[in-house]
N, C-alpha and C. Protein backbone atom coordinates (compact mmCIF):
# COMPACT_ATOMS: atom_id res chain seq x y z
N MET A 1 -9.55 13.94 -8.62
CA MET A 1 -8.60 13.22 -7.80
C MET A 1 -8.93 11.74 -7.84
N ILE A 2 -7.90 10.93 -7.65
CA ILE A 2 -8.04 9.48 -7.65
C ILE A 2 -7.61 8.93 -6.29
N ARG A 3 -8.45 8.09 -5.72
CA ARG A 3 -8.10 7.39 -4.49
C ARG A 3 -7.74 5.96 -4.88
N HIS A 4 -6.61 5.49 -4.39
CA HIS A 4 -6.08 4.15 -4.68
C HIS A 4 -5.97 3.42 -3.35
N ILE A 5 -6.72 2.33 -3.21
CA ILE A 5 -6.74 1.56 -1.96
C ILE A 5 -6.28 0.14 -2.25
N VAL A 6 -5.35 -0.35 -1.44
CA VAL A 6 -4.88 -1.73 -1.56
C VAL A 6 -4.92 -2.36 -0.18
N LEU A 7 -5.47 -3.56 -0.11
CA LEU A 7 -5.47 -4.35 1.12
C LEU A 7 -4.52 -5.52 0.92
N PHE A 8 -3.66 -5.76 1.92
CA PHE A 8 -2.66 -6.83 1.85
C PHE A 8 -2.88 -7.85 2.94
N LYS A 9 -2.85 -9.12 2.58
CA LYS A 9 -2.80 -10.23 3.53
C LYS A 9 -1.39 -10.78 3.41
N LEU A 10 -0.69 -10.85 4.54
CA LEU A 10 0.71 -11.25 4.53
C LEU A 10 0.87 -12.74 4.78
N LYS A 11 1.96 -13.29 4.26
CA LYS A 11 2.30 -14.69 4.52
C LYS A 11 2.60 -14.87 6.01
N ASP A 12 3.42 -13.97 6.55
CA ASP A 12 3.77 -13.97 7.97
C ASP A 12 2.94 -12.88 8.63
N ARG A 13 1.96 -13.28 9.43
CA ARG A 13 1.03 -12.32 10.02
C ARG A 13 1.45 -11.92 11.44
N SER A 14 2.70 -12.19 11.81
CA SER A 14 3.17 -11.81 13.14
C SER A 14 3.20 -10.29 13.24
N PRO A 15 3.06 -9.75 14.46
CA PRO A 15 3.10 -8.29 14.63
C PRO A 15 4.37 -7.66 14.07
N GLU A 16 5.49 -8.34 14.21
CA GLU A 16 6.77 -7.81 13.71
C GLU A 16 6.77 -7.72 12.19
N SER A 17 6.26 -8.74 11.54
CA SER A 17 6.21 -8.74 10.08
C SER A 17 5.25 -7.68 9.56
N VAL A 18 4.10 -7.57 10.20
CA VAL A 18 3.12 -6.56 9.79
C VAL A 18 3.72 -5.16 9.95
N GLU A 19 4.37 -4.89 11.05
CA GLU A 19 4.97 -3.57 11.27
C GLU A 19 6.09 -3.30 10.28
N ARG A 20 6.92 -4.31 9.99
CA ARG A 20 8.00 -4.14 9.02
C ARG A 20 7.43 -3.74 7.65
N THR A 21 6.39 -4.43 7.22
CA THR A 21 5.79 -4.14 5.92
C THR A 21 5.08 -2.79 5.93
N ALA A 22 4.41 -2.46 7.02
CA ALA A 22 3.77 -1.13 7.12
C ALA A 22 4.84 -0.04 7.02
N SER A 23 5.99 -0.26 7.60
CA SER A 23 7.08 0.72 7.54
C SER A 23 7.60 0.89 6.11
N VAL A 24 7.68 -0.22 5.38
CA VAL A 24 8.10 -0.15 3.97
C VAL A 24 7.12 0.71 3.18
N LEU A 25 5.83 0.52 3.42
CA LEU A 25 4.82 1.31 2.73
C LEU A 25 4.89 2.78 3.13
N ARG A 26 5.03 3.05 4.41
CA ARG A 26 5.09 4.44 4.90
C ARG A 26 6.30 5.18 4.34
N ALA A 27 7.36 4.44 4.04
CA ALA A 27 8.60 5.07 3.57
C ALA A 27 8.42 5.76 2.21
N MET A 28 7.34 5.49 1.51
CA MET A 28 7.09 6.18 0.24
C MET A 28 6.72 7.64 0.44
N GLU A 29 6.24 7.99 1.63
CA GLU A 29 5.80 9.36 1.88
C GLU A 29 6.95 10.33 1.63
N GLY A 30 6.67 11.34 0.80
CA GLY A 30 7.67 12.36 0.50
C GLY A 30 8.69 11.95 -0.55
N GLN A 31 8.62 10.73 -1.04
CA GLN A 31 9.60 10.22 -2.01
C GLN A 31 9.08 10.23 -3.45
N ILE A 32 7.77 10.29 -3.62
CA ILE A 32 7.17 10.19 -4.94
C ILE A 32 6.31 11.44 -5.16
N PRO A 33 6.73 12.33 -6.05
CA PRO A 33 6.03 13.61 -6.22
C PRO A 33 4.53 13.48 -6.52
N GLU A 34 4.15 12.47 -7.27
CA GLU A 34 2.75 12.30 -7.66
C GLU A 34 1.85 11.86 -6.50
N LEU A 35 2.44 11.34 -5.46
CA LEU A 35 1.70 10.82 -4.30
C LEU A 35 1.29 11.99 -3.41
N LYS A 36 0.01 12.36 -3.45
CA LYS A 36 -0.47 13.51 -2.71
C LYS A 36 -0.74 13.22 -1.24
N SER A 37 -1.21 12.02 -0.94
CA SER A 37 -1.41 11.62 0.45
C SER A 37 -1.27 10.11 0.55
N ILE A 38 -0.86 9.67 1.74
CA ILE A 38 -0.70 8.25 2.00
C ILE A 38 -1.12 7.96 3.44
N GLU A 39 -1.85 6.88 3.60
CA GLU A 39 -2.25 6.40 4.93
C GLU A 39 -2.04 4.89 4.94
N VAL A 40 -1.40 4.42 5.97
CA VAL A 40 -1.15 2.98 6.14
C VAL A 40 -1.79 2.57 7.46
N GLY A 41 -2.69 1.60 7.39
CA GLY A 41 -3.37 1.13 8.60
C GLY A 41 -3.16 -0.35 8.80
N LYS A 42 -2.98 -0.74 10.06
CA LYS A 42 -2.83 -2.15 10.41
C LYS A 42 -4.12 -2.65 11.03
N ASP A 43 -4.53 -3.84 10.65
CA ASP A 43 -5.76 -4.44 11.13
C ASP A 43 -5.76 -4.57 12.66
N VAL A 44 -6.89 -4.29 13.27
CA VAL A 44 -7.03 -4.43 14.72
C VAL A 44 -8.00 -5.54 15.10
N MET A 45 -8.76 -6.07 14.14
CA MET A 45 -9.75 -7.10 14.45
C MET A 45 -9.18 -8.52 14.40
N HIS A 46 -8.27 -8.77 13.46
CA HIS A 46 -7.63 -10.08 13.31
C HIS A 46 -8.63 -11.21 13.15
N SER A 47 -9.68 -10.97 12.37
CA SER A 47 -10.65 -12.01 12.09
C SER A 47 -10.18 -12.86 10.90
N ASP A 48 -10.86 -13.95 10.63
CA ASP A 48 -10.49 -14.82 9.52
C ASP A 48 -10.56 -14.10 8.18
N ARG A 49 -11.47 -13.16 8.05
CA ARG A 49 -11.61 -12.46 6.78
C ARG A 49 -10.82 -11.16 6.70
N SER A 50 -10.12 -10.81 7.75
CA SER A 50 -9.33 -9.58 7.79
C SER A 50 -8.11 -9.64 6.87
N TYR A 51 -7.80 -8.51 6.30
CA TYR A 51 -6.50 -8.32 5.67
C TYR A 51 -5.62 -7.63 6.71
N ASP A 52 -4.31 -7.71 6.55
CA ASP A 52 -3.39 -7.24 7.59
C ASP A 52 -3.09 -5.75 7.51
N ILE A 53 -3.01 -5.22 6.29
CA ILE A 53 -2.60 -3.83 6.10
C ILE A 53 -3.46 -3.20 5.02
N ALA A 54 -3.85 -1.94 5.25
CA ALA A 54 -4.52 -1.15 4.23
C ALA A 54 -3.60 -0.01 3.82
N LEU A 55 -3.50 0.21 2.52
CA LEU A 55 -2.77 1.34 1.96
C LEU A 55 -3.80 2.21 1.24
N VAL A 56 -3.91 3.48 1.67
CA VAL A 56 -4.84 4.42 1.06
C VAL A 56 -4.03 5.60 0.56
N THR A 57 -4.04 5.81 -0.76
CA THR A 57 -3.26 6.89 -1.35
C THR A 57 -4.16 7.75 -2.24
N THR A 58 -3.72 8.98 -2.48
CA THR A 58 -4.47 9.92 -3.29
C THR A 58 -3.55 10.54 -4.35
N PHE A 59 -4.09 10.69 -5.56
CA PHE A 59 -3.36 11.25 -6.69
C PHE A 59 -4.24 12.28 -7.38
N ASP A 60 -3.62 13.22 -8.08
CA ASP A 60 -4.37 14.25 -8.80
C ASP A 60 -5.13 13.69 -10.00
N SER A 61 -4.60 12.62 -10.62
CA SER A 61 -5.19 12.13 -11.86
C SER A 61 -4.77 10.68 -12.10
N LEU A 62 -5.40 10.06 -13.08
CA LEU A 62 -5.00 8.71 -13.48
C LEU A 62 -3.56 8.71 -14.01
N GLU A 63 -3.17 9.79 -14.65
CA GLU A 63 -1.79 9.90 -15.15
C GLU A 63 -0.80 9.93 -13.99
N SER A 64 -1.16 10.61 -12.91
CA SER A 64 -0.30 10.64 -11.72
C SER A 64 -0.20 9.26 -11.10
N LEU A 65 -1.30 8.53 -11.06
CA LEU A 65 -1.28 7.16 -10.54
C LEU A 65 -0.40 6.28 -11.41
N ALA A 66 -0.47 6.46 -12.73
CA ALA A 66 0.38 5.68 -13.64
C ALA A 66 1.86 6.00 -13.42
N ALA A 67 2.19 7.26 -13.18
CA ALA A 67 3.58 7.65 -12.91
C ALA A 67 4.06 7.03 -11.59
N TYR A 68 3.21 7.02 -10.59
CA TYR A 68 3.51 6.38 -9.30
C TYR A 68 3.82 4.90 -9.49
N ASN A 69 3.03 4.25 -10.32
CA ASN A 69 3.19 2.81 -10.52
C ASN A 69 4.57 2.43 -11.04
N VAL A 70 5.21 3.30 -11.81
CA VAL A 70 6.53 2.98 -12.37
C VAL A 70 7.68 3.69 -11.65
N HIS A 71 7.36 4.49 -10.65
CA HIS A 71 8.41 5.22 -9.92
C HIS A 71 9.34 4.23 -9.21
N PRO A 72 10.66 4.48 -9.22
CA PRO A 72 11.62 3.57 -8.59
C PRO A 72 11.33 3.27 -7.11
N GLU A 73 10.86 4.25 -6.35
CA GLU A 73 10.56 3.99 -4.93
C GLU A 73 9.36 3.04 -4.80
N HIS A 74 8.38 3.20 -5.67
CA HIS A 74 7.24 2.28 -5.65
C HIS A 74 7.66 0.89 -6.11
N GLN A 75 8.58 0.83 -7.06
CA GLN A 75 9.07 -0.47 -7.53
C GLN A 75 9.78 -1.24 -6.41
N LYS A 76 10.46 -0.54 -5.51
CA LYS A 76 11.07 -1.19 -4.34
C LYS A 76 9.99 -1.80 -3.44
N VAL A 77 8.89 -1.08 -3.27
CA VAL A 77 7.78 -1.57 -2.46
C VAL A 77 7.15 -2.79 -3.13
N ILE A 78 6.98 -2.72 -4.43
CA ILE A 78 6.42 -3.86 -5.17
C ILE A 78 7.29 -5.10 -4.96
N ALA A 79 8.59 -4.94 -5.01
CA ALA A 79 9.50 -6.08 -4.80
C ALA A 79 9.33 -6.65 -3.40
N HIS A 80 9.24 -5.79 -2.39
CA HIS A 80 9.03 -6.26 -1.02
C HIS A 80 7.69 -7.00 -0.91
N MET A 81 6.65 -6.40 -1.47
CA MET A 81 5.32 -7.00 -1.36
C MET A 81 5.22 -8.33 -2.09
N ALA A 82 5.95 -8.49 -3.18
CA ALA A 82 5.94 -9.77 -3.91
C ALA A 82 6.43 -10.90 -3.01
N GLU A 83 7.34 -10.59 -2.11
CA GLU A 83 7.85 -11.59 -1.17
C GLU A 83 6.96 -11.73 0.06
N ALA A 84 6.39 -10.63 0.52
CA ALA A 84 5.70 -10.61 1.82
C ALA A 84 4.22 -10.98 1.75
N ARG A 85 3.57 -10.71 0.64
CA ARG A 85 2.11 -10.86 0.60
C ARG A 85 1.66 -12.26 0.21
N GLU A 86 0.59 -12.65 0.85
CA GLU A 86 -0.12 -13.86 0.45
C GLU A 86 -1.12 -13.50 -0.64
N SER A 87 -1.81 -12.36 -0.44
CA SER A 87 -2.77 -11.88 -1.43
C SER A 87 -2.99 -10.39 -1.23
N SER A 88 -3.59 -9.79 -2.26
CA SER A 88 -3.94 -8.37 -2.16
C SER A 88 -5.14 -8.11 -3.06
N ILE A 89 -5.85 -7.05 -2.72
CA ILE A 89 -6.95 -6.56 -3.55
C ILE A 89 -6.83 -5.05 -3.63
N SER A 90 -7.36 -4.47 -4.69
CA SER A 90 -7.26 -3.01 -4.83
C SER A 90 -8.53 -2.43 -5.42
N LEU A 91 -8.65 -1.13 -5.23
CA LEU A 91 -9.77 -0.37 -5.76
C LEU A 91 -9.27 1.03 -6.05
N ASP A 92 -9.61 1.55 -7.22
CA ASP A 92 -9.26 2.92 -7.60
C ASP A 92 -10.56 3.62 -7.98
N TYR A 93 -10.78 4.82 -7.42
CA TYR A 93 -12.00 5.55 -7.75
C TYR A 93 -11.74 7.05 -7.74
N GLU A 94 -12.65 7.77 -8.40
CA GLU A 94 -12.55 9.23 -8.42
C GLU A 94 -13.15 9.80 -7.15
N VAL A 95 -12.48 10.79 -6.62
CA VAL A 95 -12.94 11.48 -5.41
C VAL A 95 -13.67 12.73 -5.82
């Protein structure tokens, strides 16, 4: 199994903007067959080094992750994030 984690820092860090973007991420649940699990968390510390949102997803294989990356529902999220994010970092590892 592959765990895919992405942390997002948003341009607009207001609670409304963070919730709107978290909702966009959560909307992938049940829409992409390769996506085995999804968790979206919003930062509670709000420190200078904090990111605003964490996306934690699980896939059966690297091939499943690759299929997710090009899926139309994920492409909609990518388009939203291109506008909303200031920066992001990611990590993919075997579980």
